């Protein structure tokens, strides 16, 4: 089979490799669509393991099932989770599934930028989701990122009537805008250093955008009835954005650190003035659980969170390298979809 092998953001090679063989309890999935995630182009995160086949936002058809698999059969349309929890450790039993050591160890073989992937038995058991006929494979690739966004907003306490500021309007940031709108947020503000993405935020449901260089707190007050934001969502790892976000959150509000920062990054925070006196919660969110996947699938399939308008590029497997460059440049692209069967 063909696979796009990642060496770095500017070196992604189309190579031949054996189609994975499945064992008992396992599944082979023919990939129809695979999204490039912003984390795929974080070289500080990926280079130490290169060369490898990336891709975790996938949807496709069941090609074969192993002995003992009875819930699925060839031809079934599915989306699948690359990381799944054990459901029995202390983290899972306390509802913190994404902290489960098993979740960090499970993955596809070889990865989503290939014609086929093998799913280990544990993924088949708790990480396969049936797609309704009305949902396209392209739309289904958004289940994983929306699951992550859903968990993040739940941890941040985003609720109807809240004001929300999204800093960073890549795919994750725009999904935060869409989900906050679906959940009834009263006022959604967004900002990004790229004009294309600020305009995209308005199109996707933000009430207003903040221009680069503006005083963030002052701009939020101007746009939000002289109040700061109840929730600030940091969908960029840039340190200046984090500092601005902390200044733009209302007393008693929450700042969600959603995007990772560079490994060497540290955040100097005036504990008393920024957090304690203002009763501000600073929290994080990593990944999503199978329950989040199921909820994200429902949100997308029902139309409550539309995702097709986020797709700007559809490329065959042979052009995966171009797709990586588009995402890394972060200029005039949003979601780039790879179609491995083309």
Foldseek 3Di string as FASTA:
>chain_A
DWFFWDQALQDTDIDDDDQDDDEALKFKWFWFKFWDDLVNHPCLVPNVPPRAGETFLTWGFTCCHYPPDDPDDTGFTKTWGQFAAPCPDPCNVVVNRCVHPRRVVGGWVGYNLARMIMHPNVRSVQTIDTADPVDDRHLSSCLFLLLQLVVLCVVQVQAAAFEEEEEDQFQSSLSNQLVSVLRHHPAYEYEYQAPLRNVVSVVSHHPYYDYPPDQLQVVQCVRPVNFAGQEYEYPDQDQVVVVSSLSRHAQLHEYEDEHHHPPVDDHDDPCVPRPVVSVYHYYYTDTHHSVSSVVSSVCDVVVSRDDPVQADEEEESNCVSVVSVCSVVPHNHHIYMYGDVD
